[in-house]
N, C-alpha and C. Protein backbone atom coordinates (compact mmCIF):
# COMPACT_ATOMS: atom_id res chain seq x y z
N MET A 1 131.35 106.12 80.86
CA MET A 1 129.80 106.90 80.99
C MET A 1 129.96 108.17 82.50
N ASN A 2 129.72 108.98 82.23
CA ASN A 2 130.35 110.27 83.39
C ASN A 2 128.99 109.65 84.22
N LYS A 3 129.78 109.19 85.72
CA LYS A 3 128.52 108.46 86.51
C LYS A 3 128.48 109.99 87.46
N THR A 4 128.17 111.76 87.51
CA THR A 4 127.85 112.53 87.92
C THR A 4 126.64 113.02 87.40
N LYS A 5 126.88 112.56 85.70
CA LYS A 5 125.24 112.84 85.21
C LYS A 5 124.54 112.06 84.74
N LEU A 6 125.07 110.91 85.60
CA LEU A 6 123.70 110.04 86.03
C LEU A 6 122.79 110.44 86.76
N LYS A 7 123.29 110.67 87.50
CA LYS A 7 122.28 111.00 88.93
C LYS A 7 121.37 112.10 88.34
N GLY A 8 120.16 111.68 89.14
CA GLY A 8 118.81 112.55 88.39
C GLY A 8 118.49 111.85 87.25
N ASN A 9 118.56 110.91 86.69
CA ASN A 9 118.43 110.50 85.28
C ASN A 9 117.22 109.04 85.89
N SER A 10 115.97 109.58 86.01
CA SER A 10 115.20 108.18 86.27
C SER A 10 115.45 107.29 85.47
N ASP A 11 115.43 107.74 84.03
CA ASP A 11 114.93 106.37 82.76
C ASP A 11 116.40 105.05 82.89
N ILE A 12 117.61 105.66 83.04
CA ILE A 12 119.02 104.75 83.13
C ILE A 12 118.77 104.34 85.01
N LEU A 13 118.07 105.50 85.59
CA LEU A 13 118.02 104.51 87.23
C LEU A 13 117.20 103.17 87.22
N ALA A 14 116.01 103.12 86.50
CA ALA A 14 114.90 101.73 86.41
C ALA A 14 115.67 101.02 85.39
N GLU A 15 116.54 101.75 84.80
CA GLU A 15 117.18 99.91 84.26
C GLU A 15 117.48 99.51 85.02
N LEU A 16 119.32 100.31 85.65
CA LEU A 16 119.77 99.75 86.28
C LEU A 16 118.87 98.36 87.38
N VAL A 17 118.19 99.30 87.82
CA VAL A 17 117.07 98.19 89.44
C VAL A 17 116.49 98.16 88.40
N VAL A 18 115.48 96.95 86.90
CA VAL A 18 115.40 96.00 86.53
C VAL A 18 116.30 95.15 86.33
N LYS A 19 118.32 95.97 85.38
CA LYS A 19 119.27 94.32 85.84
C LYS A 19 119.61 94.12 86.60
N GLY A 20 119.17 94.54 88.07
CA GLY A 20 119.77 94.12 89.69
C GLY A 20 118.35 92.70 89.52
N MET A 21 117.83 93.60 89.60
CA MET A 21 116.28 92.27 89.07
C MET A 21 116.39 90.77 88.75
N GLN A 22 117.14 91.38 87.51
CA GLN A 22 116.71 89.96 87.11
C GLN A 22 118.40 89.47 87.50
N GLU A 23 118.87 89.82 87.62
CA GLU A 23 120.22 89.05 88.13
C GLU A 23 119.93 88.03 89.04
N LYS A 24 118.98 88.31 89.91
CA LYS A 24 119.09 87.15 90.79
C LYS A 24 117.78 86.42 90.57
N LYS A 25 116.88 86.60 88.93
CA LYS A 25 116.00 85.67 88.23
C LYS A 25 114.41 86.29 89.17
N ALA A 26 114.40 87.47 89.71
CA ALA A 26 113.09 88.51 89.73
C ALA A 26 111.94 88.03 88.41
N ALA A 27 111.02 87.48 89.45
CA ALA A 27 109.88 87.34 88.29
C ALA A 27 108.97 87.86 88.14
N ASP A 28 108.23 88.31 86.92
CA ASP A 28 107.06 89.24 86.88
C ASP A 28 107.96 90.91 86.96
N ILE A 29 108.82 92.09 86.49
CA ILE A 29 109.43 92.69 86.39
C ILE A 29 108.18 92.80 85.50
N CYS A 30 107.21 94.57 86.40
CA CYS A 30 107.10 95.43 85.65
C CYS A 30 107.40 96.80 86.19
N VAL A 31 107.51 97.71 85.13
CA VAL A 31 108.36 99.23 85.08
C VAL A 31 107.00 99.89 84.98
N ILE A 32 106.05 100.55 85.90
CA ILE A 32 105.42 101.76 86.50
C ILE A 32 105.92 102.71 85.99
N ASP A 33 105.23 103.27 84.69
CA ASP A 33 105.83 104.97 84.49
C ASP A 33 104.37 105.82 84.88
N LEU A 34 105.33 107.01 85.51
CA LEU A 34 104.43 107.70 86.68
C LEU A 34 104.42 109.30 86.12
N LYS A 35 105.27 109.38 85.61
CA LYS A 35 106.48 110.76 84.99
C LYS A 35 105.10 111.87 84.15
N SER A 36 104.16 111.52 83.58
CA SER A 36 102.36 111.85 82.95
C SER A 36 101.72 111.63 83.93
N LEU A 37 101.14 111.49 85.24
CA LEU A 37 100.49 111.47 85.93
C LEU A 37 100.91 112.84 87.44
N HIS A 38 99.88 113.56 87.00
CA HIS A 38 99.27 114.76 88.36
C HIS A 38 99.84 114.55 89.18
N ASN A 39 100.37 114.81 90.28
CA ASN A 39 101.01 114.41 91.89
C ASN A 39 101.00 112.97 91.39
N ALA A 40 101.91 112.18 91.23
CA ALA A 40 102.95 111.78 91.61
C ALA A 40 104.01 111.37 92.55
N VAL A 41 104.03 110.09 93.16
CA VAL A 41 104.78 110.75 93.96
C VAL A 41 106.50 110.22 93.50
N SER A 42 106.67 109.73 92.62
CA SER A 42 108.11 109.36 91.87
C SER A 42 107.46 108.96 89.98
N ASP A 43 109.01 109.04 89.74
CA ASP A 43 108.85 108.99 87.92
C ASP A 43 108.65 107.34 87.96
N TYR A 44 109.44 106.56 88.56
CA TYR A 44 108.99 104.84 87.82
C TYR A 44 108.67 104.05 89.30
N PHE A 45 107.49 103.53 89.17
CA PHE A 45 107.57 102.50 90.12
C PHE A 45 108.05 100.91 89.27
N VAL A 46 109.36 100.81 89.62
CA VAL A 46 109.27 98.88 89.06
C VAL A 46 108.96 98.00 90.55
N ILE A 47 108.30 96.96 90.08
CA ILE A 47 108.00 95.93 90.56
C ILE A 47 108.26 94.81 90.05
N SER A 48 108.38 93.31 91.49
CA SER A 48 108.46 92.30 91.17
C SER A 48 108.74 91.15 91.90
N SER A 49 108.38 89.87 91.32
CA SER A 49 108.49 89.05 92.72
C SER A 49 109.25 87.68 93.09
N ALA A 50 109.49 87.55 94.25
CA ALA A 50 110.02 87.11 94.47
C ALA A 50 109.46 84.73 94.69
N ASN A 51 110.16 83.93 94.58
CA ASN A 51 109.35 82.85 95.14
C ASN A 51 109.81 82.40 97.35
N SER A 52 111.00 83.45 97.37
CA SER A 52 110.99 82.48 98.65
C SER A 52 111.63 83.77 99.12
N ASP A 53 111.93 84.43 101.05
CA ASP A 53 112.57 85.17 101.70
C ASP A 53 113.92 85.34 101.74
N THR A 54 114.84 84.36 101.31
CA THR A 54 116.25 84.09 100.46
C THR A 54 116.32 85.01 99.00
N GLN A 55 115.71 85.00 98.25
CA GLN A 55 115.34 85.59 96.65
C GLN A 55 115.09 86.49 96.89
N LEU A 56 114.15 87.31 97.79
CA LEU A 56 113.35 88.40 98.16
C LEU A 56 114.64 88.77 98.61
N ASP A 57 115.32 88.93 99.50
CA ASP A 57 116.75 89.19 100.00
C ASP A 57 117.65 90.05 99.16
N ALA A 58 118.19 88.68 98.06
CA ALA A 58 119.34 88.41 97.42
C ALA A 58 118.54 89.62 96.49
N ILE A 59 117.02 90.00 95.91
CA ILE A 59 117.19 90.74 95.09
C ILE A 59 117.00 91.98 95.29
N ALA A 60 116.99 92.83 96.19
CA ALA A 60 117.38 93.05 97.30
C ALA A 60 118.61 94.31 97.32
N ARG A 61 119.76 93.29 97.19
CA ARG A 61 121.35 93.25 97.44
C ARG A 61 121.57 93.53 96.19
N ALA A 62 120.96 93.11 95.22
CA ALA A 62 121.24 92.44 93.78
C ALA A 62 121.03 94.34 93.48
N VAL A 63 119.51 94.64 93.57
CA VAL A 63 119.50 96.25 92.94
C VAL A 63 120.50 97.28 93.15
N GLU A 64 120.55 96.78 95.05
CA GLU A 64 121.95 98.28 95.71
C GLU A 64 122.60 98.50 95.15
N GLU A 65 123.32 96.39 94.36
CA GLU A 65 125.14 96.62 94.32
C GLU A 65 124.70 97.34 92.74
N GLU A 66 123.66 97.49 91.78
CA GLU A 66 123.59 97.44 90.24
C GLU A 66 123.82 99.35 90.72
N VAL A 67 122.33 99.88 90.90
CA VAL A 67 122.86 101.38 91.35
C VAL A 67 123.90 102.02 91.64
N PHE A 68 124.52 101.58 92.87
CA PHE A 68 125.39 101.51 93.31
C PHE A 68 126.68 101.37 92.44
N LYS A 69 126.93 101.02 91.52
CA LYS A 69 128.22 100.67 91.07
C LYS A 69 128.53 101.72 89.86
N ILE A 70 126.34 102.41 89.51
CA ILE A 70 127.15 102.83 88.43
C ILE A 70 126.94 104.76 88.70
N THR A 71 125.91 104.72 89.88
CA THR A 71 125.26 106.03 90.23
C THR A 71 125.78 106.47 91.33
N GLN A 72 126.58 105.71 92.53
CA GLN A 72 127.40 105.29 93.97
C GLN A 72 126.05 106.03 94.83
N GLN A 73 125.09 105.53 94.03
CA GLN A 73 123.34 106.42 95.31
C GLN A 73 123.27 105.03 95.30
N ASN A 74 122.88 105.09 97.00
CA ASN A 74 122.33 104.18 98.05
C ASN A 74 120.55 104.49 97.74
N PRO A 75 119.93 104.33 98.58
CA PRO A 75 117.81 104.39 98.70
C PRO A 75 118.33 105.12 99.61
N TRP A 76 117.24 105.99 99.54
CA TRP A 76 117.22 107.29 100.11
C TRP A 76 116.44 106.54 101.57
N GLN A 77 115.58 105.94 101.61
CA GLN A 77 114.79 105.39 102.34
C GLN A 77 114.47 103.37 102.16
N SER A 78 114.61 102.03 102.84
CA SER A 78 114.68 100.69 102.74
C SER A 78 113.90 100.18 103.71
N GLU A 79 112.72 99.80 103.55
CA GLU A 79 111.95 99.23 104.62
C GLU A 79 111.52 97.77 104.04
N GLY A 80 110.85 97.02 104.90
CA GLY A 80 110.42 95.98 104.50
C GLY A 80 111.47 94.75 105.03
N ARG A 81 112.93 94.79 104.99
CA ARG A 81 113.55 93.60 105.26
C ARG A 81 113.59 92.63 106.80
N THR A 82 113.15 93.69 107.64
CA THR A 82 112.76 92.29 108.77
C THR A 82 111.42 91.52 108.23
N ASN A 83 110.54 91.63 107.66
CA ASN A 83 109.52 90.73 107.22
C ASN A 83 109.07 89.96 106.85
N LYS A 84 110.25 91.06 105.41
CA LYS A 84 110.72 89.71 104.36
C LYS A 84 109.85 89.39 103.79
N GLU A 85 108.61 90.21 103.58
CA GLU A 85 107.73 89.98 102.74
C GLU A 85 107.36 91.08 101.78
N TRP A 86 107.89 91.75 101.46
CA TRP A 86 108.09 93.10 101.10
C TRP A 86 108.92 94.31 101.04
N ILE A 87 109.81 94.37 100.10
CA ILE A 87 111.38 95.06 100.17
C ILE A 87 110.66 96.27 99.82
N LEU A 88 110.16 97.54 100.08
CA LEU A 88 110.40 98.70 99.59
C LEU A 88 112.17 99.38 99.00
N LEU A 89 113.16 99.49 97.93
CA LEU A 89 114.10 100.82 98.02
C LEU A 89 113.43 102.07 97.48
N ASP A 90 113.53 103.03 98.18
CA ASP A 90 113.20 104.55 97.39
C ASP A 90 114.86 105.18 97.05
N TYR A 91 114.55 105.48 95.53
CA TYR A 91 115.09 105.89 95.40
C TYR A 91 114.95 107.72 95.00
N VAL A 92 113.82 107.84 95.70
CA VAL A 92 113.36 109.57 94.66
C VAL A 92 112.43 109.15 93.48
N ASP A 93 113.82 109.61 92.79
CA ASP A 93 112.75 109.47 91.57
C ASP A 93 112.25 108.14 90.49
N VAL A 94 112.61 107.17 91.80
CA VAL A 94 112.08 105.70 90.95
C VAL A 94 111.92 104.65 92.40
N VAL A 95 111.08 104.26 92.81
CA VAL A 95 110.87 103.54 94.00
C VAL A 95 110.50 102.03 93.52
N VAL A 96 111.38 101.41 94.46
CA VAL A 96 111.58 99.50 94.09
C VAL A 96 110.82 99.27 94.98
N HIS A 97 109.53 97.92 94.33
CA HIS A 97 108.92 96.91 95.62
C HIS A 97 109.43 96.17 94.63
N ILE A 98 109.67 94.85 95.55
CA ILE A 98 109.79 93.42 95.86
C ILE A 98 108.83 92.48 96.60
N PHE A 99 107.98 91.66 96.02
CA PHE A 99 107.43 91.39 97.18
C PHE A 99 107.47 89.82 96.87
N LEU A 100 106.90 89.46 98.13
CA LEU A 100 106.83 87.51 97.91
C LEU A 100 105.34 87.65 96.78
N LYS A 101 105.08 86.51 96.06
CA LYS A 101 104.03 86.46 95.01
C LYS A 101 102.95 86.73 95.63
N ASP A 102 102.53 85.64 97.09
CA ASP A 102 100.98 85.89 97.42
C ASP A 102 101.24 87.25 97.75
N LYS A 103 101.97 88.25 98.06
CA LYS A 103 102.04 89.96 99.10
C LYS A 103 101.84 90.53 97.72
N ARG A 104 101.87 89.93 96.95
CA ARG A 104 101.92 91.04 95.62
C ARG A 104 100.85 91.12 95.10
N GLU A 105 99.88 89.81 94.74
CA GLU A 105 98.45 90.00 94.66
C GLU A 105 97.63 90.08 95.82
N PHE A 106 98.07 90.24 96.71
CA PHE A 106 97.35 90.77 97.37
C PHE A 106 97.44 92.64 97.33
N TYR A 107 98.21 93.32 97.44
CA TYR A 107 98.26 94.63 97.77
C TYR A 107 98.23 94.96 96.24
N ALA A 108 97.90 94.45 94.98
CA ALA A 108 98.00 94.98 93.74
C ALA A 108 98.51 96.37 93.34
N LEU A 109 99.92 96.39 93.85
CA LEU A 109 99.78 97.92 93.18
C LEU A 109 99.57 98.93 92.07
N GLU A 110 99.99 97.15 90.87
CA GLU A 110 99.76 97.56 89.12
C GLU A 110 98.46 98.19 88.70
N GLU A 111 97.13 98.07 89.83
CA GLU A 111 96.21 97.94 89.96
C GLU A 111 95.68 99.64 90.51
N LEU A 112 96.24 100.38 91.18
CA LEU A 112 96.29 101.81 91.58
C LEU A 112 96.98 102.45 90.95
N TRP A 113 97.75 102.33 89.17
CA TRP A 113 98.25 103.16 89.02
C TRP A 113 97.26 102.34 87.57
N GLY A 114 96.39 102.54 87.36
CA GLY A 114 95.39 102.38 85.66
C GLY A 114 95.94 103.13 84.70
N ASP A 115 96.06 104.39 84.94
CA ASP A 115 96.85 105.32 84.20
C ASP A 115 97.75 105.21 84.01
N ALA A 116 98.87 105.21 84.34
CA ALA A 116 100.23 104.71 83.99
C ALA A 116 100.73 103.93 82.85
N PRO A 117 100.58 103.94 82.00
CA PRO A 117 102.15 103.06 81.12
C PRO A 117 102.73 102.25 81.89
N ILE A 118 102.71 100.96 81.77
CA ILE A 118 103.26 99.75 82.31
C ILE A 118 104.07 99.12 81.28
N ARG A 119 104.98 98.71 81.75
CA ARG A 119 106.35 98.15 80.72
C ARG A 119 106.09 96.72 81.47
N HIS A 120 105.77 95.16 80.94
CA HIS A 120 105.85 94.37 81.20
C HIS A 120 107.40 93.38 80.75
N VAL A 121 108.59 93.60 81.61
CA VAL A 121 109.69 93.20 81.29
C VAL A 121 110.02 91.43 81.10
N GLU A 122 110.37 91.06 79.73
CA GLU A 122 110.39 89.33 78.84
C GLU A 122 111.98 89.18 80.85
N ASN A 123 111.90 87.72 81.47
CA ASN A 123 112.65 87.23 81.96
C ASN A 123 113.83 86.97 80.64
N ALA A 124 114.75 87.57 81.87
CA ALA A 124 116.59 87.07 81.09
C ALA A 124 116.34 85.53 81.22
């Protein structure tokens, strides 16, 4: 694959994020397609859960490595590594949310985007 051609392709980027999450056994992975929504902040939100703060950090690192390996892109912004409850990786077209399970239930991001198609990814 031509790496420069992949840059900006949010569909492929979202799948690379999912692959990175699956490598570290992330739970309840879902891909929210925001492309059809007016004023959406990105093309996709990819959300998953972790069982511990150690797994949370490992999932984030695996996502960054998987995306960089194919696209040579680092996140434009990264938040939450010090609190270890919710890590956000912003790739502009794809925003990655990795939560501890209880925090994911509390924030319930999936419910905020009720108009958008949501694809639940089977565990690998």
